[in-house]
Amino acid sequence: MCPQHVSDPDISIRPVCSGRATEPLTGYERTMWAGGAVFILVVFAVAFVLTPSPSGIGTHEQLGLPRCSFRLLTGLPCPSCGMTTSFAWFVRGEFRRAFACHIGGTLLAAAAALAVPVCLVVAAVGKRGWLRPLGRLAVGVLILVACVSLIQWAIRLWLASPFLGHL
């Protein structure tokens, strides 16, 4: 909401109503939204080409990436161990296997899959008014994925603890 006037004369800064929410997206912005959809589809295509690791982790090594440094140093999984494998299972429709590898990764893959048509619709329609709610939703989803990933990591660390048998 944009007030038309401020009742306190001592306030020197007044809100400005630019009407920006009603302006259409620029061609560049629409291209970026379409590009976002293409980027997600490329990530899914790469995930489909990868063979999911039977161990549930390490699928990213097929891309020439190194093994997880945290795991090499500690012998324990890092918060993102299994995320690439979960994407590889997700794009194959193997949702149980995807969840077994990484719950947060599976949620992120699902959110990305839902984002593709949203990005394409925003690019096609070009309405700026959708951006704020979509941005808030995206932040909420990323916070959820981060929290779920950290909780899953904590559980994995607890289950790997040598002290677990003494409880």
C-alpha atoms as a PDB file:
ATOM      1  CA  MET A   1       0.000   0.000   0.000  1.00  0.00           C
ATOM      2  CA  CYS A   2       1.307   3.406  -0.857  1.00  0.00           C
ATOM      3  CA  PRO A   3       0.039   6.372   1.193  1.00  0.00           C
ATOM      4  CA  GLN A   4      -0.670   9.521  -0.769  1.00  0.00           C
ATOM      5  CA  HIS A   5       0.440  11.838   2.001  1.00  0.00           C
ATOM      6  CA  VAL A   6       2.123  11.813   5.386  1.00  0.00           C
ATOM      7  CA  SER A   7       0.295  13.550   8.212  1.00  0.00           C
ATOM      8  CA  ASP A   8       3.407  14.442  10.246  1.00  0.00           C
ATOM      9  CA  PRO A   9       4.996  17.604   8.763  1.00  0.00           C
ATOM     10  CA  ASP A  10       8.285  16.870  10.581  1.00  0.00           C
ATOM     11  CA  ILE A  11       8.936  13.799   8.493  1.00  0.00           C
ATOM     12  CA  SER A  12      11.189  14.781   5.637  1.00  0.00           C
ATOM     13  CA  ILE A  13      11.250  11.423   3.867  1.00  0.00           C
ATOM     14  CA  ARG A  14       8.016  10.561   2.156  1.00  0.00           C
ATOM     15  CA  PRO A  15       7.165   7.248   0.506  1.00  0.00           C
ATOM     16  CA  VAL A  16       7.250   7.319  -3.246  1.00  0.00           C
ATOM     17  CA  CYS A  17       4.573   5.560  -5.286  1.00  0.00           C
ATOM     18  CA  SER A  18       6.172   4.476  -8.503  1.00  0.00           C
ATOM     19  CA  GLY A  19       3.468   2.097  -9.656  1.00  0.00           C
ATOM     20  CA  ARG A  20       6.279  -0.348 -10.460  1.00  0.00           C
ATOM     21  CA  ALA A  21       4.130  -3.377  -9.596  1.00  0.00           C
ATOM     22  CA  THR A  22       1.859  -2.624 -12.542  1.00  0.00           C
ATOM     23  CA  GLU A  23       4.650  -2.070 -15.067  1.00  0.00           C
ATOM     24  CA  PRO A  24       5.302  -4.968 -17.450  1.00  0.00           C
ATOM     25  CA  LEU A  25       8.579  -6.850 -17.289  1.00  0.00           C
ATOM     26  CA  THR A  26      11.284  -5.692 -19.667  1.00  0.00           C
ATOM     27  CA  GLY A  27      12.408  -7.956 -22.472  1.00  0.00           C
ATOM     28  CA  TYR A  28      15.604  -8.681 -20.550  1.00  0.00           C
ATOM     29  CA  GLU A  29      13.657  -9.673 -17.423  1.00  0.00           C
ATOM     30  CA  ARG A  30      11.372 -11.945 -19.406  1.00  0.00           C
ATOM     31  CA  THR A  31      14.405 -13.557 -21.017  1.00  0.00           C
ATOM     32  CA  MET A  32      15.935 -14.134 -17.578  1.00  0.00           C
ATOM     33  CA  TRP A  33      12.763 -15.854 -16.363  1.00  0.00           C
ATOM     34  CA  ALA A  34      12.716 -18.090 -19.437  1.00  0.00           C
ATOM     35  CA  GLY A  35      16.432 -18.703 -18.917  1.00  0.00           C
ATOM     36  CA  GLY A  36      15.713 -19.819 -15.358  1.00  0.00           C
ATOM     37  CA  ALA A  37      13.363 -22.484 -16.687  1.00  0.00           C
ATOM     38  CA  VAL A  38      15.959 -23.605 -19.236  1.00  0.00           C
ATOM     39  CA  PHE A  39      18.643 -23.765 -16.525  1.00  0.00           C
ATOM     40  CA  ILE A  40      16.468 -26.014 -14.347  1.00  0.00           C
ATOM     41  CA  LEU A  41      15.730 -28.267 -17.325  1.00  0.00           C
ATOM     42  CA  VAL A  42      19.473 -28.546 -18.055  1.00  0.00           C
ATOM     43  CA  VAL A  43      20.105 -29.530 -14.415  1.00  0.00           C
ATOM     44  CA  PHE A  44      17.412 -32.202 -14.730  1.00  0.00           C
ATOM     45  CA  ALA A  45      18.893 -33.430 -18.031  1.00  0.00           C
ATOM     46  CA  VAL A  46      22.317 -33.773 -16.403  1.00  0.00           C
ATOM     47  CA  ALA A  47      20.745 -35.600 -13.448  1.00  0.00           C
ATOM     48  CA  PHE A  48      19.059 -37.975 -15.891  1.00  0.00           C
ATOM     49  CA  VAL A  49      22.331 -38.743 -17.676  1.00  0.00           C
ATOM     50  CA  LEU A  50      24.029 -39.625 -14.374  1.00  0.00           C
ATOM     51  CA  THR A  51      23.742 -43.134 -12.986  1.00  0.00           C
ATOM     52  CA  PRO A  52      22.577 -42.896  -9.362  1.00  0.00           C
ATOM     53  CA  SER A  53      25.203 -44.291  -7.016  1.00  0.00           C
ATOM     54  CA  PRO A  54      24.038 -47.492  -5.292  1.00  0.00           C
ATOM     55  CA  SER A  55      25.520 -46.201  -2.024  1.00  0.00           C
ATOM     56  CA  GLY A  56      23.298 -43.097  -2.159  1.00  0.00           C
ATOM     57  CA  ILE A  57      26.251 -40.700  -2.298  1.00  0.00           C
ATOM     58  CA  GLY A  58      29.014 -39.899  -4.771  1.00  0.00           C
ATOM     59  CA  THR A  59      26.961 -39.534  -7.951  1.00  0.00           C
ATOM     60  CA  HIS A  60      28.493 -36.081  -8.475  1.00  0.00           C
ATOM     61  CA  GLU A  61      31.890 -37.723  -9.082  1.00  0.00           C
ATOM     62  CA  GLN A  62      30.639 -38.768 -12.551  1.00  0.00           C
ATOM     63  CA  LEU A  63      30.803 -35.057 -13.425  1.00  0.00           C
ATOM     64  CA  GLY A  64      34.525 -34.959 -12.617  1.00  0.00           C
ATOM     65  CA  LEU A  65      33.941 -33.330  -9.244  1.00  0.00           C
ATOM     66  CA  PRO A  66      36.070 -34.471  -6.297  1.00  0.00           C
ATOM     67  CA  ARG A  67      34.837 -36.595  -3.428  1.00  0.00           C
ATOM     68  CA  CYS A  68      33.279 -34.790  -0.493  1.00  0.00           C
ATOM     69  CA  SER A  69      36.104 -33.125   1.455  1.00  0.00           C
ATOM     70  CA  PHE A  70      34.139 -33.233   4.697  1.00  0.00           C
ATOM     71  CA  ARG A  71      33.623 -36.976   4.326  1.00  0.00           C
ATOM     72  CA  LEU A  72      37.294 -37.538   3.446  1.00  0.00           C
ATOM     73  CA  LEU A  73      38.449 -35.588   6.509  1.00  0.00           C
ATOM     74  CA  THR A  74      35.926 -36.859   9.055  1.00  0.00           C
ATOM     75  CA  GLY A  75      34.512 -40.078   7.652  1.00  0.00           C
ATOM     76  CA  LEU A  76      31.071 -38.545   8.143  1.00  0.00           C
ATOM     77  CA  PRO A  77      28.622 -37.215   5.548  1.00  0.00           C
ATOM     78  CA  CYS A  78      28.279 -33.472   4.965  1.00  0.00           C
ATOM     79  CA  PRO A  79      24.851 -31.762   4.909  1.00  0.00           C
ATOM     80  CA  SER A  80      24.605 -32.128   1.120  1.00  0.00           C
ATOM     81  CA  CYS A  81      25.919 -35.697   0.759  1.00  0.00           C
ATOM     82  CA  GLY A  82      23.399 -37.572  -1.368  1.00  0.00           C
ATOM     83  CA  MET A  83      21.793 -34.509  -2.947  1.00  0.00           C
ATOM     84  CA  THR A  84      23.006 -35.202  -6.492  1.00  0.00           C
ATOM     85  CA  THR A  85      21.943 -38.823  -6.145  1.00  0.00           C
ATOM     86  CA  SER A  86      18.504 -37.709  -4.950  1.00  0.00           C
ATOM     87  CA  PHE A  87      18.155 -35.534  -8.074  1.00  0.00           C
ATOM     88  CA  ALA A  88      19.229 -38.480 -10.258  1.00  0.00           C
ATOM     89  CA  TRP A  89      16.541 -40.686  -8.686  1.00  0.00           C
ATOM     90  CA  PHE A  90      13.938 -37.875  -8.742  1.00  0.00           C
ATOM     91  CA  VAL A  91      14.177 -37.331 -12.512  1.00  0.00           C
ATOM     92  CA  ARG A  92      13.616 -41.074 -12.969  1.00  0.00           C
ATOM     93  CA  GLY A  93      10.431 -40.934 -10.899  1.00  0.00           C
ATOM     94  CA  GLU A  94      12.022 -43.025  -8.130  1.00  0.00           C
ATOM     95  CA  PHE A  95      10.823 -40.770  -5.320  1.00  0.00           C
ATOM     96  CA  ARG A  96      11.344 -43.251  -2.462  1.00  0.00           C
ATOM     97  CA  ARG A  97      14.947 -43.760  -3.479  1.00  0.00           C
ATOM     98  CA  ALA A  98      15.373 -39.998  -3.860  1.00  0.00           C
ATOM     99  CA  PHE A  99      14.039 -39.426  -0.330  1.00  0.00           C
ATOM    100  CA  ALA A 100      16.277 -42.197   1.019  1.00  0.00           C
ATOM    101  CA  CYS A 101      19.344 -40.418  -0.385  1.00  0.00           C
ATOM    102  CA  HIS A 102      18.507 -36.860   0.657  1.00  0.00           C
ATOM    103  CA  ILE A 103      15.138 -35.498   1.765  1.00  0.00           C
ATOM    104  CA  GLY A 104      16.156 -31.867   1.255  1.00  0.00           C
ATOM    105  CA  GLY A 105      17.495 -32.643  -2.212  1.00  0.00           C
ATOM    106  CA  THR A 106      14.232 -34.301  -3.155  1.00  0.00           C
ATOM    107  CA  LEU A 107      12.249 -31.292  -1.911  1.00  0.00           C
ATOM    108  CA  LEU A 108      14.567 -28.987  -3.864  1.00  0.00           C
ATOM    109  CA  ALA A 109      14.104 -31.090  -7.015  1.00  0.00           C
ATOM    110  CA  ALA A 110      10.313 -30.990  -6.569  1.00  0.00           C
ATOM    111  CA  ALA A 111      10.385 -27.213  -6.066  1.00  0.00           C
ATOM    112  CA  ALA A 112      12.570 -26.833  -9.158  1.00  0.00           C
ATOM    113  CA  ALA A 113      10.175 -28.977 -11.189  1.00  0.00           C
ATOM    114  CA  LEU A 114       7.287 -26.741 -10.106  1.00  0.00           C
ATOM    115  CA  ALA A 115       9.355 -23.631 -10.845  1.00  0.00           C
ATOM    116  CA  VAL A 116       9.765 -24.483 -14.544  1.00  0.00           C
ATOM    117  CA  PRO A 117       6.158 -23.763 -15.579  1.00  0.00           C
ATOM    118  CA  VAL A 118       6.025 -20.781 -13.212  1.00  0.00           C
ATOM    119  CA  CYS A 119       9.125 -19.266 -14.831  1.00  0.00           C
ATOM    120  CA  LEU A 120       7.692 -19.843 -18.294  1.00  0.00           C
ATOM    121  CA  VAL A 121       4.325 -18.289 -17.382  1.00  0.00           C
ATOM    122  CA  VAL A 122       5.999 -15.229 -15.833  1.00  0.00           C
ATOM    123  CA  ALA A 123       8.173 -14.878 -18.948  1.00  0.00           C
ATOM    124  CA  ALA A 124       5.168 -15.230 -21.266  1.00  0.00           C
ATOM    125  CA  VAL A 125       2.738 -13.006 -19.360  1.00  0.00           C
ATOM    126  CA  GLY A 126       5.323 -10.471 -18.192  1.00  0.00           C
ATOM    127  CA  LYS A 127       3.463  -9.203 -15.124  1.00  0.00           C
ATOM    128  CA  ARG A 128       5.671  -7.630 -12.465  1.00  0.00           C
ATOM    129  CA  GLY A 129       3.030  -7.963  -9.730  1.00  0.00           C
ATOM    130  CA  TRP A 130       3.810 -11.677  -9.370  1.00  0.00           C
ATOM    131  CA  LEU A 131       7.466 -11.143  -8.476  1.00  0.00           C
ATOM    132  CA  ARG A 132       7.146 -10.261  -4.789  1.00  0.00           C
ATOM    133  CA  PRO A 133       4.944 -13.248  -3.844  1.00  0.00           C
ATOM    134  CA  LEU A 134       7.104 -15.581  -5.947  1.00  0.00           C
ATOM    135  CA  GLY A 135      10.247 -14.240  -4.298  1.00  0.00           C
ATOM    136  CA  ARG A 136       8.796 -14.785  -0.842  1.00  0.00           C
ATOM    137  CA  LEU A 137       7.730 -18.301  -1.779  1.00  0.00           C
ATOM    138  CA  ALA A 138      11.199 -19.093  -3.155  1.00  0.00           C
ATOM    139  CA  VAL A 139      12.872 -17.859   0.035  1.00  0.00           C
ATOM    140  CA  GLY A 140      10.469 -19.938   2.117  1.00  0.00           C
ATOM    141  CA  VAL A 141      11.189 -23.055   0.067  1.00  0.00           C
ATOM    142  CA  LEU A 142      14.955 -22.536   0.340  1.00  0.00           C
ATOM    143  CA  ILE A 143      14.695 -22.075   4.113  1.00  0.00           C
ATOM    144  CA  LEU A 144      12.613 -25.259   4.339  1.00  0.00           C
ATOM    145  CA  VAL A 145      15.132 -27.215   2.238  1.00  0.00           C
ATOM    146  CA  ALA A 146      18.033 -25.911   4.352  1.00  0.00           C
ATOM    147  CA  CYS A 147      16.286 -26.782   7.626  1.00  0.00           C
ATOM    148  CA  VAL A 148      15.288 -30.265   6.435  1.00  0.00           C
ATOM    149  CA  SER A 149      18.827 -30.871   5.147  1.00  0.00           C
ATOM    150  CA  LEU A 150      20.379 -29.815   8.460  1.00  0.00           C
ATOM    151  CA  ILE A 151      17.935 -31.925  10.469  1.00  0.00           C
ATOM    152  CA  GLN A 152      18.645 -34.936   8.255  1.00  0.00           C
ATOM    153  CA  TRP A 153      22.381 -34.299   8.638  1.00  0.00           C
ATOM    154  CA  ALA A 154      22.076 -34.126  12.428  1.00  0.00           C
ATOM    155  CA  ILE A 155      20.189 -37.428  12.435  1.00  0.00           C
ATOM    156  CA  ARG A 156      22.825 -39.031  10.190  1.00  0.00           C
ATOM    157  CA  LEU A 157      25.593 -37.810  12.495  1.00  0.00           C
ATOM    158  CA  TRP A 158      23.725 -39.098  15.528  1.00  0.00           C
ATOM    159  CA  LEU A 159      23.171 -42.498  13.896  1.00  0.00           C
ATOM    160  CA  ALA A 160      26.872 -42.661  12.941  1.00  0.00           C
ATOM    161  CA  SER A 161      27.939 -41.769  16.492  1.00  0.00           C
ATOM    162  CA  PRO A 162      30.012 -44.383  18.321  1.00  0.00           C
ATOM    163  CA  PHE A 163      28.179 -43.323  21.482  1.00  0.00           C
ATOM    164  CA  LEU A 164      24.783 -44.385  20.104  1.00  0.00           C
ATOM    165  CA  GLY A 165      25.195 -47.910  21.429  1.00  0.00           C
ATOM    166  CA  HIS A 166      25.836 -46.568  24.934  1.00  0.00           C
ATOM    167  CA  LEU A 167      22.551 -44.651  25.220  1.00  0.00           C
END
